[in-house]
């Protein structure tokens, strides 16, 4: 069986995914949509372009097949989130949010009350160094949508937007990108920290995560 995949975006993340798809058995790259383009038909659409692209193409992509996205920050808008949920329920297709570097939410039943606090440190978040935001994720997502996809994905699939706080720290150029998360549920606290180096020559970590997910689609055993 061959799966036709459409890509949204072909930048640093999407280019590596496109290259992999063009030589991977069992997959066909059905097309790439850039800004303003129509969405190519496909059984699976992968948005590698972020929140704005998810807003533009998300509903159409879910109508025709499953959708993977790196633009989860767009879902901080409750109206847009409700719209995509309605499309997914009607079509029977599923939305997968990348990337799952924050572990706790996946280990807690949705019925259990929980909270999530995230500190994200990275260069280039703002013109000045130091803390640039500390407060509710809902407010941060309005101001820094392109930097909060992992945090928003963890919140939506975990305690919810309202139960998630975020602290953003802009660090000096050339430094690592660090995500520290503290997930609290009754009787348990789970803390995780993920650090990404500043080596621009390496495969982008989100590209690697998407390729890994594609490569393991048919595996008989899965982790997590």
C-alpha atoms as a PDB file:
ATOM      1  CA  UNK A   1       0.000   0.000   0.000  1.00  0.00           C
ATOM      2  CA  UNK A   2       1.284   3.454  -0.943  1.00  0.00           C
ATOM      3  CA  UNK A   3       0.327   6.550   1.033  1.00  0.00           C
ATOM      4  CA  UNK A   4       0.126   9.896  -0.749  1.00  0.00           C
ATOM      5  CA  UNK A   5       1.429  12.730   1.428  1.00  0.00           C
ATOM      6  CA  UNK A   6       1.018  16.469   0.845  1.00  0.00           C
ATOM      7  CA  UNK A   7       3.343  18.973   2.491  1.00  0.00           C
ATOM      8  CA  UNK A   8       2.558  22.503   3.566  1.00  0.00           C
ATOM      9  CA  UNK A   9       5.799  24.450   3.474  1.00  0.00           C
ATOM     10  CA  UNK A  10       9.244  23.478   2.272  1.00  0.00           C
ATOM     11  CA  UNK A  11      11.520  25.497   4.528  1.00  0.00           C
ATOM     12  CA  UNK A  12      14.106  24.135   6.912  1.00  0.00           C
ATOM     13  CA  UNK A  13      11.660  21.616   8.415  1.00  0.00           C
ATOM     14  CA  UNK A  14       9.716  20.707   5.278  1.00  0.00           C
ATOM     15  CA  UNK A  15      12.683  20.367   2.924  1.00  0.00           C
ATOM     16  CA  UNK A  16      14.110  17.454   4.884  1.00  0.00           C
ATOM     17  CA  UNK A  17      10.725  15.741   5.079  1.00  0.00           C
ATOM     18  CA  UNK A  18      10.204  16.185   1.325  1.00  0.00           C
ATOM     19  CA  UNK A  19      13.620  14.734   0.551  1.00  0.00           C
ATOM     20  CA  UNK A  20      12.882  11.690   2.723  1.00  0.00           C
ATOM     21  CA  UNK A  21       9.428  11.139   1.183  1.00  0.00           C
ATOM     22  CA  UNK A  22      10.795  11.165  -2.354  1.00  0.00           C
ATOM     23  CA  UNK A  23      12.941   8.087  -1.678  1.00  0.00           C
ATOM     24  CA  UNK A  24      10.919   6.266   1.008  1.00  0.00           C
ATOM     25  CA  UNK A  25       9.140   3.046   0.032  1.00  0.00           C
ATOM     26  CA  UNK A  26       5.414   3.130   0.667  1.00  0.00           C
ATOM     27  CA  UNK A  27       5.107   6.912   0.296  1.00  0.00           C
ATOM     28  CA  UNK A  28       4.475   9.325  -2.565  1.00  0.00           C
ATOM     29  CA  UNK A  29       4.944  13.078  -2.239  1.00  0.00           C
ATOM     30  CA  UNK A  30       1.710  14.367  -3.745  1.00  0.00           C
ATOM     31  CA  UNK A  31       2.676  18.031  -3.762  1.00  0.00           C
ATOM     32  CA  UNK A  32       3.843  20.976  -1.686  1.00  0.00           C
ATOM     33  CA  UNK A  33       1.636  23.951  -0.845  1.00  0.00           C
ATOM     34  CA  UNK A  34       3.299  27.297  -0.291  1.00  0.00           C
ATOM     35  CA  UNK A  35       1.753  30.485   1.003  1.00  0.00           C
ATOM     36  CA  UNK A  36      -1.429  31.170  -0.970  1.00  0.00           C
ATOM     37  CA  UNK A  37      -1.356  27.844  -2.844  1.00  0.00           C
ATOM     38  CA  UNK A  38      -4.217  25.384  -3.035  1.00  0.00           C
ATOM     39  CA  UNK A  39      -3.825  22.251  -0.941  1.00  0.00           C
ATOM     40  CA  UNK A  40      -2.766  19.180  -2.986  1.00  0.00           C
ATOM     41  CA  UNK A  41      -5.031  16.111  -2.583  1.00  0.00           C
ATOM     42  CA  UNK A  42      -3.542  13.517  -0.241  1.00  0.00           C
ATOM     43  CA  UNK A  43      -4.379  10.860   2.318  1.00  0.00           C
ATOM     44  CA  UNK A  44      -2.061  12.554   4.815  1.00  0.00           C
ATOM     45  CA  UNK A  45      -1.131  16.228   4.979  1.00  0.00           C
ATOM     46  CA  UNK A  46       1.882  17.406   6.977  1.00  0.00           C
ATOM     47  CA  UNK A  47       1.982  21.090   7.895  1.00  0.00           C
ATOM     48  CA  UNK A  48       5.617  22.108   8.415  1.00  0.00           C
ATOM     49  CA  UNK A  49       4.958  25.835   8.061  1.00  0.00           C
ATOM     50  CA  UNK A  50       3.394  26.697  11.426  1.00  0.00           C
ATOM     51  CA  UNK A  51       0.278  28.321  12.902  1.00  0.00           C
ATOM     52  CA  UNK A  52      -0.639  30.581   9.967  1.00  0.00           C
ATOM     53  CA  UNK A  53      -0.528  27.610   7.578  1.00  0.00           C
ATOM     54  CA  UNK A  54      -2.687  25.543   9.922  1.00  0.00           C
ATOM     55  CA  UNK A  55      -5.279  28.303   9.936  1.00  0.00           C
ATOM     56  CA  UNK A  56      -5.229  28.487   6.134  1.00  0.00           C
ATOM     57  CA  UNK A  57      -5.230  24.796   5.259  1.00  0.00           C
ATOM     58  CA  UNK A  58      -6.232  22.892   8.406  1.00  0.00           C
ATOM     59  CA  UNK A  59      -9.930  22.392   7.695  1.00  0.00           C
ATOM     60  CA  UNK A  60      -9.393  21.382   4.058  1.00  0.00           C
ATOM     61  CA  UNK A  61      -6.615  18.975   5.030  1.00  0.00           C
ATOM     62  CA  UNK A  62      -8.798  17.261   7.647  1.00  0.00           C
ATOM     63  CA  UNK A  63     -11.656  16.947   5.179  1.00  0.00           C
ATOM     64  CA  UNK A  64      -9.510  14.830   2.863  1.00  0.00           C
ATOM     65  CA  UNK A  65      -7.331  12.871   5.297  1.00  0.00           C
ATOM     66  CA  UNK A  66      -5.312  12.901   8.486  1.00  0.00           C
ATOM     67  CA  UNK A  67      -3.282  16.009   9.334  1.00  0.00           C
ATOM     68  CA  UNK A  68       0.031  16.389  11.160  1.00  0.00           C
ATOM     69  CA  UNK A  69       1.075  19.907  12.150  1.00  0.00           C
ATOM     70  CA  UNK A  70       3.861  21.891  13.776  1.00  0.00           C
ATOM     71  CA  UNK A  71       1.446  24.822  14.151  1.00  0.00           C
ATOM     72  CA  UNK A  72      -0.390  23.879  17.346  1.00  0.00           C
ATOM     73  CA  UNK A  73      -0.206  27.463  18.673  1.00  0.00           C
ATOM     74  CA  UNK A  74      -3.086  28.351  16.323  1.00  0.00           C
ATOM     75  CA  UNK A  75      -5.280  26.064  18.431  1.00  0.00           C
ATOM     76  CA  UNK A  76      -4.968  28.394  21.411  1.00  0.00           C
ATOM     77  CA  UNK A  77      -7.871  30.206  19.712  1.00  0.00           C
ATOM     78  CA  UNK A  78     -10.930  28.332  21.089  1.00  0.00           C
ATOM     79  CA  UNK A  79     -13.125  29.127  18.080  1.00  0.00           C
ATOM     80  CA  UNK A  80     -10.587  27.816  15.588  1.00  0.00           C
ATOM     81  CA  UNK A  81      -9.961  24.740  17.755  1.00  0.00           C
ATOM     82  CA  UNK A  82     -13.693  24.020  17.901  1.00  0.00           C
ATOM     83  CA  UNK A  83     -13.952  24.411  14.123  1.00  0.00           C
ATOM     84  CA  UNK A  84     -11.180  21.886  13.443  1.00  0.00           C
ATOM     85  CA  UNK A  85     -12.646  19.497  16.010  1.00  0.00           C
ATOM     86  CA  UNK A  86     -16.003  19.637  14.210  1.00  0.00           C
ATOM     87  CA  UNK A  87     -14.336  18.905  10.873  1.00  0.00           C
ATOM     88  CA  UNK A  88     -12.374  15.994  12.356  1.00  0.00           C
ATOM     89  CA  UNK A  89     -15.465  14.451  13.945  1.00  0.00           C
ATOM     90  CA  UNK A  90     -17.469  14.800  10.748  1.00  0.00           C
ATOM     91  CA  UNK A  91     -14.749  13.412   8.472  1.00  0.00           C
ATOM     92  CA  UNK A  92     -13.402  10.756  10.835  1.00  0.00           C
ATOM     93  CA  UNK A  93      -9.856  12.004  10.278  1.00  0.00           C
ATOM     94  CA  UNK A  94      -7.332  12.810  12.982  1.00  0.00           C
ATOM     95  CA  UNK A  95      -5.055  15.732  13.874  1.00  0.00           C
ATOM     96  CA  UNK A  96      -1.598  14.952  15.247  1.00  0.00           C
ATOM     97  CA  UNK A  97       0.378  17.692  16.990  1.00  0.00           C
ATOM     98  CA  UNK A  98       4.178  17.802  16.848  1.00  0.00           C
ATOM     99  CA  UNK A  99       6.303  17.577  18.846  1.00  0.00           C
ATOM    100  CA  UNK A 100       5.873  15.506  21.997  1.00  0.00           C
ATOM    101  CA  UNK A 101       8.939  16.599  23.977  1.00  0.00           C
ATOM    102  CA  UNK A 102       6.871  17.296  27.099  1.00  0.00           C
ATOM    103  CA  UNK A 103       6.101  13.902  28.620  1.00  0.00           C
ATOM    104  CA  UNK A 104       3.680  14.323  31.515  1.00  0.00           C
ATOM    105  CA  UNK A 105       0.361  15.026  29.738  1.00  0.00           C
ATOM    106  CA  UNK A 106       0.488  11.706  27.865  1.00  0.00           C
ATOM    107  CA  UNK A 107       0.657   9.833  31.178  1.00  0.00           C
ATOM    108  CA  UNK A 108      -2.423  11.353  32.817  1.00  0.00           C
ATOM    109  CA  UNK A 109      -6.069  10.388  32.114  1.00  0.00           C
ATOM    110  CA  UNK A 110      -8.070  13.359  30.764  1.00  0.00           C
ATOM    111  CA  UNK A 111     -10.529  13.062  33.653  1.00  0.00           C
ATOM    112  CA  UNK A 112      -7.810  13.796  36.238  1.00  0.00           C
ATOM    113  CA  UNK A 113      -7.218  17.432  37.190  1.00  0.00           C
ATOM    114  CA  UNK A 114      -3.679  18.554  36.368  1.00  0.00           C
ATOM    115  CA  UNK A 115      -1.498  21.602  35.749  1.00  0.00           C
ATOM    116  CA  UNK A 116       1.467  22.340  33.505  1.00  0.00           C
ATOM    117  CA  UNK A 117       4.184  24.986  33.933  1.00  0.00           C
ATOM    118  CA  UNK A 118       6.715  25.459  31.136  1.00  0.00           C
ATOM    119  CA  UNK A 119       9.905  27.506  30.952  1.00  0.00           C
ATOM    120  CA  UNK A 120      11.254  27.954  27.453  1.00  0.00           C
ATOM    121  CA  UNK A 121      14.677  29.529  26.883  1.00  0.00           C
ATOM    122  CA  UNK A 122      16.029  30.261  23.424  1.00  0.00           C
ATOM    123  CA  UNK A 123      17.899  32.880  21.402  1.00  0.00           C
ATOM    124  CA  UNK A 124      15.929  35.063  19.023  1.00  0.00           C
ATOM    125  CA  UNK A 125      12.672  35.184  20.977  1.00  0.00           C
ATOM    126  CA  UNK A 126      12.844  38.968  21.298  1.00  0.00           C
ATOM    127  CA  UNK A 127      15.141  41.935  20.537  1.00  0.00           C
ATOM    128  CA  UNK A 128      16.338  41.965  24.160  1.00  0.00           C
ATOM    129  CA  UNK A 129      17.753  39.235  26.377  1.00  0.00           C
ATOM    130  CA  UNK A 130      16.130  38.099  29.621  1.00  0.00           C
ATOM    131  CA  UNK A 131      12.619  37.154  30.660  1.00  0.00           C
ATOM    132  CA  UNK A 132      10.092  38.435  28.125  1.00  0.00           C
ATOM    133  CA  UNK A 133       6.912  36.783  29.390  1.00  0.00           C
ATOM    134  CA  UNK A 134       5.624  34.955  32.440  1.00  0.00           C
ATOM    135  CA  UNK A 135       1.935  34.128  32.680  1.00  0.00           C
ATOM    136  CA  UNK A 136      -0.963  32.245  31.100  1.00  0.00           C
ATOM    137  CA  UNK A 137      -0.302  30.318  27.896  1.00  0.00           C
ATOM    138  CA  UNK A 138      -3.420  31.839  26.336  1.00  0.00           C
ATOM    139  CA  UNK A 139      -1.857  35.312  26.505  1.00  0.00           C
ATOM    140  CA  UNK A 140       1.594  34.158  25.414  1.00  0.00           C
ATOM    141  CA  UNK A 141       0.199  32.411  22.330  1.00  0.00           C
ATOM    142  CA  UNK A 142      -1.239  35.707  21.122  1.00  0.00           C
ATOM    143  CA  UNK A 143       2.118  37.465  21.408  1.00  0.00           C
ATOM    144  CA  UNK A 144       4.567  34.692  20.421  1.00  0.00           C
ATOM    145  CA  UNK A 145       2.624  32.161  18.285  1.00  0.00           C
ATOM    146  CA  UNK A 146       5.622  30.902  16.310  1.00  0.00           C
ATOM    147  CA  UNK A 147       7.505  29.909  19.479  1.00  0.00           C
ATOM    148  CA  UNK A 148       4.814  28.045  21.420  1.00  0.00           C
ATOM    149  CA  UNK A 149       3.779  25.075  19.309  1.00  0.00           C
ATOM    150  CA  UNK A 150       5.221  22.412  21.625  1.00  0.00           C
ATOM    151  CA  UNK A 151       3.788  24.115  24.715  1.00  0.00           C
ATOM    152  CA  UNK A 152       0.336  24.499  23.170  1.00  0.00           C
ATOM    153  CA  UNK A 153       0.320  20.908  21.900  1.00  0.00           C
ATOM    154  CA  UNK A 154       1.131  19.624  25.401  1.00  0.00           C
ATOM    155  CA  UNK A 155      -1.550  21.838  26.942  1.00  0.00           C
ATOM    156  CA  UNK A 156      -4.296  20.807  24.524  1.00  0.00           C
ATOM    157  CA  UNK A 157      -3.512  17.105  24.915  1.00  0.00           C
ATOM    158  CA  UNK A 158      -3.033  17.500  28.669  1.00  0.00           C
ATOM    159  CA  UNK A 159      -4.461  19.835  31.311  1.00  0.00           C
ATOM    160  CA  UNK A 160      -5.854  22.385  28.858  1.00  0.00           C
ATOM    161  CA  UNK A 161      -4.876  25.918  27.839  1.00  0.00           C
ATOM    162  CA  UNK A 162      -6.310  27.505  30.994  1.00  0.00           C
ATOM    163  CA  UNK A 163      -4.298  25.199  33.289  1.00  0.00           C
ATOM    164  CA  UNK A 164      -0.963  25.901  31.561  1.00  0.00           C
ATOM    165  CA  UNK A 165       1.486  28.700  32.299  1.00  0.00           C
ATOM    166  CA  UNK A 166       4.555  29.686  30.339  1.00  0.00           C
ATOM    167  CA  UNK A 167       7.776  31.554  31.056  1.00  0.00           C
ATOM    168  CA  UNK A 168       9.787  32.732  28.053  1.00  0.00           C
ATOM    169  CA  UNK A 169      13.441  33.719  28.340  1.00  0.00           C
ATOM    170  CA  UNK A 170      15.478  35.156  25.478  1.00  0.00           C
ATOM    171  CA  UNK A 171      19.095  33.958  25.680  1.00  0.00           C
ATOM    172  CA  UNK A 172      22.264  35.103  23.851  1.00  0.00           C
ATOM    173  CA  UNK A 173      22.735  34.250  20.188  1.00  0.00           C
ATOM    174  CA  UNK A 174      24.276  30.863  19.546  1.00  0.00           C
ATOM    175  CA  UNK A 175      22.939  29.289  22.710  1.00  0.00           C
ATOM    176  CA  UNK A 176      20.746  26.191  23.004  1.00  0.00           C
ATOM    177  CA  UNK A 177      16.965  25.980  22.965  1.00  0.00           C
ATOM    178  CA  UNK A 178      15.726  24.540  26.280  1.00  0.00           C
ATOM    179  CA  UNK A 179      12.208  23.452  27.246  1.00  0.00           C
ATOM    180  CA  UNK A 180      11.664  22.672  30.924  1.00  0.00           C
ATOM    181  CA  UNK A 181       8.220  21.438  31.986  1.00  0.00           C
ATOM    182  CA  UNK A 182       6.679  20.644  35.361  1.00  0.00           C
ATOM    183  CA  UNK A 183       3.490  18.585  35.111  1.00  0.00           C
ATOM    184  CA  UNK A 184       1.432  18.157  38.277  1.00  0.00           C
ATOM    185  CA  UNK A 185      -1.374  15.677  38.892  1.00  0.00           C
ATOM    186  CA  UNK A 186      -2.743  14.338  42.192  1.00  0.00           C
ATOM    187  CA  UNK A 187       0.039  12.452  43.979  1.00  0.00           C
ATOM    188  CA  UNK A 188       2.581  12.903  41.203  1.00  0.00           C
ATOM    189  CA  UNK A 189       4.920  15.469  39.672  1.00  0.00           C
ATOM    190  CA  UNK A 190       6.694  14.816  36.355  1.00  0.00           C
ATOM    191  CA  UNK A 191       9.505  17.133  35.282  1.00  0.00           C
ATOM    192  CA  UNK A 192      11.171  16.997  31.884  1.00  0.00           C
ATOM    193  CA  UNK A 193      13.860  19.053  30.204  1.00  0.00           C
ATOM    194  CA  UNK A 194      14.804  18.945  26.541  1.00  0.00           C
ATOM    195  CA  UNK A 195      17.840  20.779  25.190  1.00  0.00           C
ATOM    196  CA  UNK A 196      18.549  21.371  21.522  1.00  0.00           C
ATOM    197  CA  UNK A 197      22.034  22.423  20.483  1.00  0.00           C
ATOM    198  CA  UNK A 198      22.774  25.361  18.236  1.00  0.00           C
ATOM    199  CA  UNK A 199      24.409  23.375  15.413  1.00  0.00           C
ATOM    200  CA  UNK A 200      22.558  24.627  12.346  1.00  0.00           C
ATOM    201  CA  UNK A 201      24.122  21.948  10.127  1.00  0.00           C
ATOM    202  CA  UNK A 202      22.288  19.120  11.914  1.00  0.00           C
ATOM    203  CA  UNK A 203      18.891  17.786  10.871  1.00  0.00           C
ATOM    204  CA  UNK A 204      16.219  20.001  12.400  1.00  0.00           C
ATOM    205  CA  UNK A 205      14.776  18.175  15.447  1.00  0.00           C
ATOM    206  CA  UNK A 206      11.191  18.640  14.226  1.00  0.00           C
ATOM    207  CA  UNK A 207      12.161  17.251  10.805  1.00  0.00           C
ATOM    208  CA  UNK A 208      13.703  14.251  12.542  1.00  0.00           C
ATOM    209  CA  UNK A 209      10.560  13.727  14.646  1.00  0.00           C
ATOM    210  CA  UNK A 210       8.270  13.788  11.598  1.00  0.00           C
ATOM    211  CA  UNK A 211      10.490  11.413   9.619  1.00  0.00           C
ATOM    212  CA  UNK A 212      10.637   9.074  12.619  1.00  0.00           C
ATOM    213  CA  UNK A 213       6.840   9.046  12.837  1.00  0.00           C
ATOM    214  CA  UNK A 214       6.506   8.315   9.117  1.00  0.00           C
ATOM    215  CA  UNK A 215       9.147   5.605   9.226  1.00  0.00           C
ATOM    216  CA  UNK A 216       7.441   3.867  12.154  1.00  0.00           C
ATOM    217  CA  UNK A 217       3.871   4.045  10.854  1.00  0.00           C
ATOM    218  CA  UNK A 218       3.733   0.318  10.169  1.00  0.00           C
ATOM    219  CA  UNK A 219       5.741  -0.866  13.192  1.00  0.00           C
ATOM    220  CA  UNK A 220       4.101  -3.633  15.220  1.00  0.00           C
ATOM    221  CA  UNK A 221       5.539  -2.244  18.459  1.00  0.00           C
ATOM    222  CA  UNK A 222       5.452   1.349  19.658  1.00  0.00           C
ATOM    223  CA  UNK A 223       6.894   3.279  22.571  1.00  0.00           C
ATOM    224  CA  UNK A 224       4.685   5.342  24.865  1.00  0.00           C
END
